[in-house]
Amino acid sequence: MSVSPPRPKGPPLNALRAFEAAARLGGFANAADELCVTPGAVSQHIKALEDWIGADLFERRSQGVRLSAFGAEVAPGFAQAFDAMGAAVHGMRAAARHKTLHIAALPSVAQLWLSPRLPSVRAALPDLSISVSAVETPPNLARELFDLSVFIRRPTGGARETVLAPDAIFPVCTPEIAARLQTPADLREETLLHDALWPDDWALWGGAALAGQALPDKGPRFSLYSIALEEARNGAGVLMGHQLLVQAALERGDLVAPFTKKVETGKALVLDRAGFGEGPNHLAQVLSLLQQA
């Protein structure tokens, strides 16, 4: 008679993922954003893991959570394990000669910079299917199934990042509005359009162009830069233009730059590549085409 005693069960994989993400990102809310669940779900997963192991992984405080000494000791092993799993999944896709290139991009970059360049990529690589996801924060390319990401951010000097162009800002508006702007100080009498993602743009440019004098912090605010740009085209006011995103409108004459002063933000348009399956997914060719466009 065979004997099959019950075997010890380990913790659920989702609980381990929640712990690793919360440890790496510094909190339950950030982990929830990455895992596309609620902070309450992350908290429940970690509580179940703590009950299973019989030790606290986090210290709960009124201002948030912090890794316990035990949590800090064991977290690196899980980070390495999930990085290895991500690499294995990317490798599986590459070995299967996956024909879809997945790109993540900031919404404004996806619509105003990336989309106009995709026809040349499709023409050069007709067998490649291109999928674009507009997301607000750069994905973790070691874990998520994106091959490329394109964001305006501060360069880090990473081995797999390519700086495409610096981020320079300056006011843009319709030719009709520009006709009544003689000096930057005249902007105090205009409606200033603001983008929610870059709330400090006007202060940054004004500090350089107006010798430290502040511009009024009022005017419509938009959650999507493309909507703010369309409103500027409609004559609703003056928008702080990011050169990478408004260049096409300037070339068409829809908008003009009433002043010559440009200010670099310290950020840049940065392309990151996952580094897995570069041959099957034509990453090198796509990168070259995007740089040339």
Protein backbone atom coordinates (compact mmCIF):
# COMPACT_ATOMS: atom_id res chain seq x y z
CA MET A 1 0.00 0.00 0.00
CA SER A 2 1.54 3.29 -1.09
CA VAL A 3 1.78 6.12 1.34
CA SER A 4 1.34 9.70 0.06
CA PRO A 5 1.56 12.01 3.03
CA PRO A 6 0.51 15.62 2.49
CA ARG A 7 3.40 17.85 1.51
CA PRO A 8 4.08 21.24 3.04
CA LYS A 9 2.58 24.08 1.03
CA GLY A 10 4.49 27.25 0.26
CA PRO A 11 2.99 30.72 0.16
CA PRO A 12 1.00 31.82 -2.92
CA LEU A 13 3.05 33.31 -5.72
CA ASN A 14 0.93 36.48 -5.67
CA ALA A 15 1.83 37.06 -2.02
CA LEU A 16 5.53 36.77 -2.85
CA ARG A 17 5.11 39.19 -5.78
CA ALA A 18 3.31 41.67 -3.52
CA PHE A 19 6.09 41.52 -0.93
CA GLU A 20 8.87 41.94 -3.49
CA ALA A 21 7.16 44.89 -5.17
CA ALA A 22 6.37 46.64 -1.88
CA ALA A 23 9.93 46.12 -0.65
CA ARG A 24 11.46 47.43 -3.89
CA LEU A 25 9.09 50.37 -4.35
CA GLY A 26 8.88 51.44 -0.73
CA GLY A 27 5.22 50.94 0.07
CA PHE A 28 1.94 49.18 -0.54
CA ALA A 29 0.42 51.90 -2.75
CA ASN A 30 3.37 51.91 -5.18
CA ALA A 31 3.31 48.11 -5.31
CA ALA A 32 -0.42 48.20 -6.02
CA ASP A 33 0.13 50.55 -8.96
CA GLU A 34 2.72 48.24 -10.49
CA LEU A 35 0.68 45.09 -9.93
CA CYS A 36 -2.62 46.68 -11.02
CA VAL A 37 -4.39 45.81 -7.76
CA THR A 38 -5.58 47.85 -4.77
CA PRO A 39 -3.31 48.76 -1.82
CA GLY A 40 -5.71 46.73 0.34
CA ALA A 41 -5.03 43.63 -1.76
CA VAL A 42 -1.27 44.12 -1.37
CA SER A 43 -1.71 44.54 2.38
CA GLN A 44 -3.75 41.32 2.60
CA HIS A 45 -1.19 39.37 0.57
CA ILE A 46 1.66 40.54 2.79
CA LYS A 47 -0.31 39.87 6.00
CA ALA A 48 -0.98 36.32 4.78
CA LEU A 49 2.73 35.90 4.01
CA GLU A 50 3.68 37.20 7.47
CA ASP A 51 1.22 34.78 9.07
CA TRP A 52 2.71 31.91 7.05
CA ILE A 53 6.32 32.74 7.92
CA GLY A 54 5.59 33.83 11.49
CA ALA A 55 7.49 37.11 11.28
CA ASP A 56 6.81 40.73 10.36
CA LEU A 57 8.09 41.81 6.96
CA PHE A 58 7.04 45.44 7.43
CA GLU A 59 6.69 47.84 10.33
CA ARG A 60 3.30 49.58 10.22
CA ARG A 61 3.46 53.25 11.18
CA SER A 62 1.00 56.13 11.10
CA GLN A 63 2.84 57.68 8.13
CA GLY A 64 3.15 54.45 6.19
CA VAL A 65 5.08 51.19 6.23
CA ARG A 66 8.78 50.42 6.39
CA LEU A 67 10.65 47.17 5.86
CA SER A 68 11.48 45.37 9.07
CA ALA A 69 15.02 44.16 9.62
CA PHE A 70 13.87 40.67 8.66
CA GLY A 71 12.09 41.96 5.54
CA ALA A 72 15.19 43.89 4.45
CA GLU A 73 17.29 40.75 4.93
CA VAL A 74 15.18 38.50 2.71
CA ALA A 75 13.97 41.01 0.07
CA PRO A 76 17.08 40.89 -2.22
CA GLY A 77 16.64 37.17 -2.85
CA PHE A 78 13.10 37.68 -4.10
CA ALA A 79 14.16 40.62 -6.30
CA GLN A 80 16.76 38.39 -7.96
CA ALA A 81 14.26 35.57 -8.34
CA PHE A 82 11.62 37.72 -10.05
CA ASP A 83 14.25 39.34 -12.27
CA ALA A 84 15.32 35.85 -13.34
CA MET A 85 11.71 34.87 -14.01
CA GLY A 86 11.24 38.00 -16.12
CA ALA A 87 14.36 37.18 -18.11
CA ALA A 88 13.12 33.63 -18.64
CA VAL A 89 9.76 34.84 -19.96
CA HIS A 90 11.43 37.31 -22.32
CA GLY A 91 13.74 34.53 -23.45
CA MET A 92 10.77 32.28 -24.14
CA ARG A 93 9.20 34.94 -26.36
CA ALA A 94 12.48 35.43 -28.19
CA ALA A 95 12.99 31.71 -28.74
CA ALA A 96 9.48 31.47 -30.18
CA ARG A 97 10.41 34.28 -32.60
CA HIS A 98 7.59 36.45 -31.39
CA LYS A 99 6.51 38.85 -34.13
CA THR A 100 5.00 41.61 -31.98
CA LEU A 101 7.02 44.53 -30.68
CA HIS A 102 5.50 45.96 -27.49
CA ILE A 103 6.28 49.63 -26.79
CA ALA A 104 5.34 51.58 -23.66
CA ALA A 105 5.35 55.36 -23.90
CA LEU A 106 4.21 58.43 -22.03
CA PRO A 107 0.78 59.33 -23.51
CA SER A 108 2.00 62.65 -24.95
CA VAL A 109 5.08 60.97 -26.41
CA ALA A 110 3.01 58.12 -27.84
CA GLN A 111 0.64 60.46 -29.63
CA LEU A 112 2.83 63.41 -30.61
CA TRP A 113 6.31 61.91 -31.09
CA LEU A 114 6.07 58.15 -31.57
CA SER A 115 2.95 57.78 -33.69
CA PRO A 116 4.22 59.94 -36.60
CA ARG A 117 7.37 57.79 -36.75
CA LEU A 118 5.69 54.39 -36.81
CA PRO A 119 4.85 54.39 -40.55
CA SER A 120 8.56 54.33 -41.43
CA VAL A 121 9.12 51.44 -39.01
CA ARG A 122 6.23 49.46 -40.51
CA ALA A 123 7.46 50.14 -44.03
CA ALA A 124 10.96 48.89 -43.18
CA LEU A 125 9.76 45.90 -41.15
CA PRO A 126 6.47 44.76 -42.74
CA ASP A 127 6.44 41.41 -40.90
CA LEU A 128 6.61 43.06 -37.49
CA SER A 129 3.42 43.90 -35.58
CA ILE A 130 3.77 46.95 -33.35
CA SER A 131 1.73 47.38 -30.17
CA VAL A 132 1.84 50.68 -28.25
CA SER A 133 0.65 51.19 -24.66
CA ALA A 134 0.31 54.75 -23.33
CA VAL A 135 1.21 54.67 -19.63
CA GLU A 136 2.09 57.41 -17.13
CA THR A 137 5.15 55.79 -15.53
CA PRO A 138 8.01 53.84 -17.12
CA PRO A 139 7.52 50.07 -16.83
CA ASN A 140 10.03 47.72 -15.28
CA LEU A 141 11.41 46.21 -18.49
CA ALA A 142 13.02 43.36 -16.57
CA ARG A 143 9.58 42.19 -15.46
CA GLU A 144 6.89 43.51 -17.80
CA LEU A 145 6.43 42.28 -21.35
CA PHE A 146 7.51 45.46 -23.11
CA ASP A 147 10.42 45.50 -25.51
CA LEU A 148 10.90 49.28 -25.56
CA SER A 149 9.82 52.27 -23.51
CA VAL A 150 9.99 55.94 -24.51
CA PHE A 151 9.63 58.59 -21.80
CA ILE A 152 10.67 62.13 -20.99
CA ARG A 153 12.75 61.69 -17.83
CA ARG A 154 16.17 62.32 -16.37
CA PRO A 155 18.79 60.08 -17.99
CA THR A 156 20.53 57.65 -15.67
CA GLY A 157 23.38 56.51 -17.91
CA GLY A 158 22.06 52.96 -17.97
CA ALA A 159 23.55 50.50 -20.42
CA ARG A 160 20.25 49.94 -22.22
CA GLU A 161 19.04 53.53 -22.46
CA THR A 162 19.43 55.81 -25.46
CA VAL A 163 19.03 59.56 -25.07
CA LEU A 164 17.22 60.74 -28.19
CA ALA A 165 17.07 64.49 -27.51
CA PRO A 166 17.18 66.94 -24.59
CA ASP A 167 13.92 68.32 -23.23
CA ALA A 168 13.70 72.08 -23.90
CA ILE A 169 10.67 74.22 -23.08
CA PHE A 170 9.36 77.57 -24.34
CA PRO A 171 5.93 79.22 -24.72
CA VAL A 172 3.86 78.51 -27.83
CA CYS A 173 0.59 80.00 -29.04
CA THR A 174 -1.36 80.92 -32.15
CA PRO A 175 0.04 83.64 -34.43
CA GLU A 176 -2.87 85.89 -33.38
CA ILE A 177 -1.91 85.74 -29.70
CA ALA A 178 1.79 86.05 -30.51
CA ALA A 179 1.13 89.34 -32.33
CA ARG A 180 0.30 91.05 -29.02
CA LEU A 181 3.26 89.63 -27.08
CA GLN A 182 6.23 91.98 -27.17
CA THR A 183 8.13 90.81 -24.08
CA PRO A 184 7.82 87.84 -21.69
CA ALA A 185 6.26 90.20 -19.13
CA ASP A 186 3.23 90.48 -21.43
CA LEU A 187 2.36 86.88 -20.51
CA ARG A 188 0.94 88.20 -17.23
CA GLU A 189 -2.05 89.45 -19.21
CA GLU A 190 -2.62 86.17 -21.05
CA THR A 191 -4.30 82.87 -20.17
CA LEU A 192 -1.59 80.34 -19.39
CA LEU A 193 -2.34 76.68 -20.13
CA HIS A 194 -0.88 74.11 -17.70
CA ASP A 195 -0.14 70.40 -18.02
CA ALA A 196 -0.73 68.37 -14.84
CA LEU A 197 2.32 66.17 -15.42
CA TRP A 198 4.72 69.12 -15.53
CA PRO A 199 3.23 71.67 -13.10
CA ASP A 200 6.51 73.56 -12.66
CA ASP A 201 7.14 74.34 -16.34
CA TRP A 202 5.95 77.93 -16.24
CA ALA A 203 7.90 78.70 -13.06
CA LEU A 204 11.04 77.16 -14.55
CA TRP A 205 10.85 79.11 -17.79
CA GLY A 206 9.68 82.31 -16.11
CA GLY A 207 12.53 82.20 -13.63
CA ALA A 208 15.01 82.21 -16.52
CA ALA A 209 13.19 84.61 -18.86
CA LEU A 210 11.89 87.14 -16.32
CA ALA A 211 14.89 87.45 -14.02
CA GLY A 212 13.16 85.57 -11.25
CA GLN A 213 9.83 87.40 -11.50
CA ALA A 214 6.93 85.00 -11.15
CA LEU A 215 4.20 84.46 -13.68
CA PRO A 216 0.66 84.01 -12.35
CA ASP A 217 -0.03 80.41 -11.35
CA LYS A 218 -3.52 80.31 -12.77
CA GLY A 219 -5.25 79.13 -15.88
CA PRO A 220 -6.74 75.86 -17.17
CA ARG A 221 -5.01 72.60 -16.27
CA PHE A 222 -5.07 69.48 -18.39
CA SER A 223 -4.33 65.85 -17.51
CA LEU A 224 -3.26 65.11 -21.09
CA TYR A 225 -0.67 67.24 -22.87
CA SER A 226 -2.28 66.51 -26.23
CA ILE A 227 -5.51 68.20 -25.05
CA ALA A 228 -3.57 71.22 -23.80
CA LEU A 229 -1.83 71.40 -27.18
CA GLU A 230 -5.14 71.25 -29.02
CA GLU A 231 -6.51 74.03 -26.83
CA ALA A 232 -3.45 76.13 -27.64
CA ARG A 233 -4.18 75.55 -31.34
CA ASN A 234 -7.75 76.67 -30.67
CA GLY A 235 -6.50 79.97 -29.28
CA ALA A 236 -7.45 79.22 -25.65
CA GLY A 237 -4.14 80.58 -24.34
CA VAL A 238 -0.39 80.17 -24.23
CA LEU A 239 1.07 76.71 -23.58
CA MET A 240 4.52 75.86 -22.29
CA GLY A 241 5.77 73.85 -25.22
CA HIS A 242 8.11 70.88 -24.97
CA GLN A 243 10.08 71.10 -28.20
CA LEU A 244 9.91 67.35 -28.77
CA LEU A 245 6.12 67.47 -28.64
CA VAL A 246 5.29 70.76 -30.37
CA GLN A 247 7.81 70.68 -33.22
CA ALA A 248 5.30 69.35 -35.76
CA ALA A 249 2.77 72.09 -34.88
CA LEU A 250 5.49 74.72 -35.23
CA GLU A 251 6.52 73.37 -38.63
CA ARG A 252 2.90 73.42 -39.83
CA GLY A 253 2.45 76.98 -38.55
CA ASP A 254 -0.45 76.02 -36.26
CA LEU A 255 1.57 77.43 -33.37
CA VAL A 256 4.49 79.82 -33.11
CA ALA A 257 7.10 80.57 -30.44
CA PRO A 258 6.73 84.28 -29.59
CA PHE A 259 10.08 84.41 -27.74
CA THR A 260 13.50 82.98 -28.50
CA LYS A 261 14.27 81.96 -24.90
CA LYS A 262 14.45 78.18 -24.43
CA VAL A 263 15.14 76.46 -21.12
CA GLU A 264 16.40 72.89 -20.76
CA THR A 265 14.63 70.99 -17.98
CA GLY A 266 17.45 68.52 -17.25
CA LYS A 267 15.29 65.76 -18.66
CA ALA A 268 15.42 64.15 -22.09
CA LEU A 269 13.48 61.87 -24.39
CA VAL A 270 14.90 58.51 -23.33
CA LEU A 271 14.39 55.17 -25.06
CA ASP A 272 14.97 52.07 -22.95
CA ARG A 273 15.16 48.54 -24.34
CA ALA A 274 14.53 45.32 -22.49
CA GLY A 275 17.55 43.55 -23.92
CA PHE A 276 15.90 40.19 -24.45
CA GLY A 277 15.27 38.77 -27.88
CA GLU A 278 16.85 41.65 -29.82
CA GLY A 279 17.22 39.55 -32.99
CA PRO A 280 13.67 38.17 -33.35
CA ASN A 281 12.03 41.45 -32.35
CA HIS A 282 14.31 43.68 -34.45
CA LEU A 283 15.01 46.02 -31.55
CA ALA A 284 18.26 47.29 -33.03
CA GLN A 285 16.59 48.10 -36.37
CA VAL A 286 13.62 49.82 -34.70
CA LEU A 287 15.95 51.89 -32.55
CA SER A 288 17.92 52.99 -35.61
CA LEU A 289 14.73 53.94 -37.48
CA LEU A 290 13.37 55.98 -34.57
CA GLN A 291 16.65 57.85 -34.24
CA GLN A 292 16.69 58.69 -37.94
CA ALA A 293 13.09 59.91 -38.14
